[in-house]
Amino acid sequence: MDRVERVVVADNGSTDRSFDAATKHADGSPRPKIEVVHEPRRGYGSACLAALARLRATGPPDVVAFLDGDFSDHPDELPLVLAPIERGDADFVVGSRRLGHAERGALLPQARFGNALATALMRLLTGFRYTDLGPFRAIRWNALERLAMRDADFGWTCEMQMKAIGAGLRIAEVPVSYRRRVGVSKIAGTVTGTVRAGIKILWWVLRHAAAARRRG
C-alpha cells in the first residue's frame, strides 16, 4: 500500500455505525491520510460521487482507485490493478473477478448471470470485450474527469466502462480475488435490487453503444 497517499471513505446512509467506525480510524492516521465523507443520499454512485467531490475540492491525485468497503475486495491486490497504469499501458483498469478467483458463494448466481449478460451485450454492441463489471478499478484522474460520471446508484460501474470506450481510453483488465461480503448486498442480495440494477445497466449500455461503437 506504499503507493496510496489518501483514503476517502464515503458513507451514505448506513445504519450500522459505519460512519463512526471510519471516523475513529481516520483520527490521527499518519499515512495514508484517511478522510471520511458523509453523503446522505443512498446509492453506490452517490457515495463514489461524494468521494470524488472531496478529492476535486482538496487537490485530486494522479490516479484514483475504487473498491468496496464490505470486505469483498482485496486491498492488498491494489498494486496489480495499478500496474498497467504505472507502466503507461492503460488509462483505466478493471479488476476482473472472472479472470481471477472468487470465493465460493461470493458471487451470487444472479450477479454472475447479470455480469455475463451485460458484458456480452457490450461486446455485441461495441466490439469491446469486458469480462466483468467489478467494483475494484483504477483510472487516471484526467481520464475520469473526461467521463463526466453522474449515475447515482446501480449503473455506476457500467456507465464508467461504456464511457471509457466512447472516450477512447486505453482499457485493461487484470485478475483479482473476491470474498464473500460482510452483510447483505442491496443489489444482488434482493430481488428488487437485482431487477433495478439490471435495468439501469442495460440502459447505460444501450445509451452509450453508438458512441462506443464509433470509437471501438
Protein backbone atom coordinates (compact mmCIF):
# COMPACT_ATOMS: atom_id res chain seq x y z
CA MET A 1 0.00 0.00 0.00
CA ASP A 2 3.03 2.32 -0.29
CA ARG A 3 1.51 3.90 -3.39
CA VAL A 4 -1.57 5.10 -1.51
CA GLU A 5 -1.46 8.69 -0.32
CA ARG A 6 -5.11 9.24 0.63
CA VAL A 7 -8.05 7.02 1.50
CA VAL A 8 -11.52 8.53 1.21
CA VAL A 9 -14.26 6.54 2.91
CA ALA A 10 -17.73 7.50 1.67
CA ASP A 11 -20.65 6.60 3.92
CA ASN A 12 -24.13 7.23 2.63
CA GLY A 13 -26.95 6.47 4.97
CA SER A 14 -25.57 3.36 6.65
CA THR A 15 -27.39 2.17 9.76
CA ASP A 16 -24.60 0.02 11.23
CA ARG A 17 -22.39 2.83 12.60
CA SER A 18 -20.01 2.55 9.66
CA PHE A 19 -19.52 6.32 9.69
CA ASP A 20 -18.48 6.27 13.35
CA ALA A 21 -16.10 3.37 12.81
CA ALA A 22 -14.48 5.01 9.79
CA THR A 23 -14.12 8.32 11.62
CA LYS A 24 -12.47 6.59 14.57
CA HIS A 25 -9.85 5.02 12.31
CA ALA A 26 -9.35 8.31 10.46
CA ASP A 27 -8.47 10.23 13.60
CA GLY A 28 -4.73 10.64 13.79
CA SER A 29 -3.99 8.48 10.75
CA PRO A 30 -0.46 9.43 9.68
CA ARG A 31 -0.13 7.66 6.31
CA PRO A 32 -2.05 7.15 4.21
CA LYS A 33 -4.29 10.02 5.16
CA ILE A 34 -7.82 8.75 5.85
CA GLU A 35 -10.77 11.04 5.19
CA VAL A 36 -14.43 10.29 5.85
CA VAL A 37 -17.20 11.77 3.72
CA HIS A 38 -20.83 11.62 4.76
CA GLU A 39 -23.32 11.54 1.88
CA PRO A 40 -26.99 11.39 2.97
CA ARG A 41 -28.23 10.26 -0.43
CA ARG A 42 -28.41 6.49 -0.84
CA GLY A 43 -26.85 4.75 -3.81
CA TYR A 44 -23.46 3.33 -4.78
CA GLY A 45 -22.90 6.08 -7.32
CA SER A 46 -23.79 8.75 -4.77
CA ALA A 47 -21.04 7.51 -2.46
CA CYS A 48 -18.50 7.50 -5.29
CA LEU A 49 -19.51 10.97 -6.44
CA ALA A 50 -19.20 12.31 -2.90
CA ALA A 51 -15.69 10.90 -2.55
CA LEU A 52 -14.67 12.36 -5.90
CA ALA A 53 -16.09 15.75 -4.94
CA ARG A 54 -13.85 15.72 -1.84
CA LEU A 55 -10.80 14.91 -3.94
CA ARG A 56 -11.70 17.55 -6.52
CA ALA A 57 -12.08 20.21 -3.84
CA THR A 58 -8.91 19.38 -1.92
CA GLY A 59 -6.46 18.53 -4.68
CA PRO A 60 -7.05 15.46 -6.88
CA PRO A 61 -4.50 12.65 -7.25
CA ASP A 62 -2.95 11.47 -10.50
CA VAL A 63 -4.79 8.14 -10.22
CA VAL A 64 -7.90 7.19 -8.25
CA ALA A 65 -8.85 3.63 -7.32
CA PHE A 66 -12.28 2.35 -6.27
CA LEU A 67 -13.01 -0.66 -4.11
CA ASP A 68 -15.91 -1.77 -1.96
CA GLY A 69 -15.72 -1.43 1.80
CA ASP A 70 -17.61 -4.64 2.60
CA PHE A 71 -14.55 -6.93 2.80
CA SER A 72 -15.24 -8.45 -0.64
CA ASP A 73 -12.33 -6.78 -2.47
CA HIS A 74 -8.69 -7.37 -1.51
CA PRO A 75 -6.90 -4.05 -0.91
CA ASP A 76 -3.55 -5.86 -0.97
CA GLU A 77 -4.13 -6.52 -4.69
CA LEU A 78 -4.18 -2.81 -5.47
CA PRO A 79 -0.65 -2.96 -6.98
CA LEU A 80 -1.99 -5.46 -9.54
CA VAL A 81 -4.75 -3.05 -10.55
CA LEU A 82 -2.41 -0.07 -10.71
CA ALA A 83 0.35 -1.84 -12.63
CA PRO A 84 -0.94 -1.26 -16.22
CA ILE A 85 -1.36 2.45 -15.47
CA GLU A 86 2.07 2.74 -13.88
CA ARG A 87 3.64 1.03 -16.88
CA GLY A 88 1.96 3.55 -19.17
CA ASP A 89 -0.11 0.84 -20.87
CA ALA A 90 -3.58 1.92 -19.72
CA ASP A 91 -5.69 4.85 -18.57
CA PHE A 92 -8.38 2.69 -16.98
CA VAL A 93 -8.11 -0.75 -15.37
CA VAL A 94 -10.94 -3.04 -14.28
CA GLY A 95 -10.26 -5.76 -11.73
CA SER A 96 -11.95 -8.82 -13.17
CA ARG A 97 -13.34 -11.39 -10.76
CA ARG A 98 -14.00 -13.74 -13.67
CA LEU A 99 -10.33 -13.73 -14.65
CA GLY A 100 -9.29 -14.09 -11.02
CA HIS A 101 -10.59 -16.14 -8.12
CA ALA A 102 -13.98 -15.65 -6.48
CA GLU A 103 -14.52 -17.37 -3.16
CA ARG A 104 -17.36 -19.86 -3.23
CA GLY A 105 -20.61 -18.01 -2.56
CA ALA A 106 -19.07 -14.57 -3.10
CA LEU A 107 -20.77 -14.04 -6.45
CA LEU A 108 -24.43 -14.98 -6.29
CA PRO A 109 -25.99 -16.68 -9.34
CA GLN A 110 -27.94 -13.55 -10.27
CA ALA A 111 -24.74 -11.50 -10.14
CA ARG A 112 -22.91 -13.97 -12.37
CA PHE A 113 -25.77 -14.00 -14.85
CA GLY A 114 -26.08 -10.22 -14.87
CA ASN A 115 -22.36 -9.74 -15.44
CA ALA A 116 -22.31 -12.28 -18.25
CA LEU A 117 -25.35 -10.74 -19.94
CA ALA A 118 -24.10 -7.16 -19.64
CA THR A 119 -20.58 -7.88 -20.87
CA ALA A 120 -21.90 -9.97 -23.76
CA LEU A 121 -24.22 -7.15 -24.79
CA MET A 122 -21.42 -4.60 -24.50
CA ARG A 123 -19.23 -6.71 -26.76
CA LEU A 124 -22.04 -7.24 -29.26
CA LEU A 125 -22.88 -3.53 -29.49
CA THR A 126 -19.38 -2.01 -29.24
CA GLY A 127 -16.94 -4.73 -30.25
CA PHE A 128 -15.01 -4.25 -27.00
CA ARG A 129 -14.60 -7.23 -24.70
CA TYR A 130 -15.00 -6.76 -20.96
CA THR A 131 -15.26 -9.82 -18.72
CA ASP A 132 -16.67 -8.16 -15.61
CA LEU A 133 -18.34 -5.08 -14.13
CA GLY A 134 -16.35 -5.49 -10.93
CA PRO A 135 -16.12 -2.58 -8.47
CA PHE A 136 -12.33 -2.84 -7.97
CA ARG A 137 -10.84 -0.48 -10.55
CA ALA A 138 -8.38 2.36 -11.12
CA ILE A 139 -8.31 5.27 -13.54
CA ARG A 140 -6.18 8.32 -14.26
CA TRP A 141 -7.81 11.40 -12.78
CA ASN A 142 -7.74 13.41 -16.01
CA ALA A 143 -9.35 10.50 -17.86
CA LEU A 144 -12.03 10.16 -15.18
CA GLU A 145 -12.92 13.84 -15.43
CA ARG A 146 -13.44 13.43 -19.18
CA LEU A 147 -16.12 10.81 -18.48
CA ALA A 148 -18.33 13.23 -16.50
CA MET A 149 -19.71 10.49 -14.29
CA ARG A 150 -23.21 11.07 -12.96
CA ASP A 151 -25.04 7.81 -12.15
CA ALA A 152 -26.13 7.87 -8.52
CA ASP A 153 -26.87 4.22 -7.97
CA PHE A 154 -26.61 0.81 -9.64
CA GLY A 155 -25.31 1.87 -13.04
CA TRP A 156 -22.05 3.49 -11.88
CA THR A 157 -19.64 0.74 -12.95
CA CYS A 158 -21.33 0.17 -16.31
CA GLU A 159 -21.51 3.90 -17.02
CA MET A 160 -17.76 4.22 -16.46
CA GLN A 161 -16.93 1.25 -18.67
CA MET A 162 -19.18 2.32 -21.53
CA LYS A 163 -17.99 5.93 -21.40
CA ALA A 164 -14.38 4.75 -21.29
CA ILE A 165 -14.86 3.01 -24.63
CA GLY A 166 -16.58 6.05 -26.12
CA ALA A 167 -13.83 8.37 -24.88
CA GLY A 168 -11.14 6.22 -26.47
CA LEU A 169 -9.37 5.43 -23.20
CA ARG A 170 -6.74 2.72 -23.11
CA ILE A 171 -8.51 -0.02 -21.15
CA ALA A 172 -7.10 -3.09 -19.44
CA GLU A 173 -8.41 -5.86 -17.20
CA VAL A 174 -6.44 -7.71 -14.54
CA PRO A 175 -7.48 -10.75 -12.48
CA VAL A 176 -8.47 -10.02 -8.87
CA SER A 177 -9.77 -12.06 -5.97
CA TYR A 178 -13.21 -11.71 -4.42
CA ARG A 179 -14.52 -12.76 -1.00
CA ARG A 180 -17.98 -13.17 0.43
CA ARG A 181 -19.04 -9.76 1.60
CA VAL A 182 -19.93 -8.80 5.14
CA GLY A 183 -23.69 -8.18 5.32
CA VAL A 184 -26.34 -8.42 2.61
CA SER A 185 -25.92 -6.74 -0.76
CA LYS A 186 -28.56 -4.12 -1.53
CA ILE A 187 -28.22 -5.08 -5.20
CA ALA A 188 -27.59 -8.80 -5.70
CA GLY A 189 -28.93 -9.68 -2.27
CA THR A 190 -32.53 -8.68 -3.01
CA VAL A 191 -34.93 -9.32 -5.88
CA THR A 192 -35.81 -5.63 -6.14
CA GLY A 193 -32.18 -4.59 -6.14
CA THR A 194 -31.27 -7.16 -8.77
CA VAL A 195 -34.06 -6.05 -11.11
CA ARG A 196 -33.34 -2.35 -10.66
CA ALA A 197 -29.63 -2.86 -11.20
CA GLY A 198 -30.25 -4.93 -14.31
CA ILE A 199 -32.50 -2.28 -15.83
CA LYS A 200 -30.04 0.53 -15.11
CA ILE A 201 -27.08 -1.40 -16.50
CA LEU A 202 -28.91 -2.23 -19.72
CA TRP A 203 -29.96 1.42 -20.00
CA TRP A 204 -26.36 2.60 -19.83
CA VAL A 205 -25.21 0.00 -22.35
CA LEU A 206 -27.86 1.00 -24.88
CA ARG A 207 -27.48 4.73 -24.25
CA HIS A 208 -23.75 4.77 -25.00
CA ALA A 209 -23.49 1.94 -27.51
CA ALA A 210 -23.38 4.19 -30.58
CA ALA A 211 -20.61 6.44 -29.24
CA ALA A 212 -18.62 3.46 -28.01
CA ARG A 213 -19.00 1.67 -31.33
CA ARG A 214 -17.63 4.68 -33.20
CA ARG A 215 -14.51 4.71 -31.02
CA GLY A 216 -14.15 0.97 -30.51
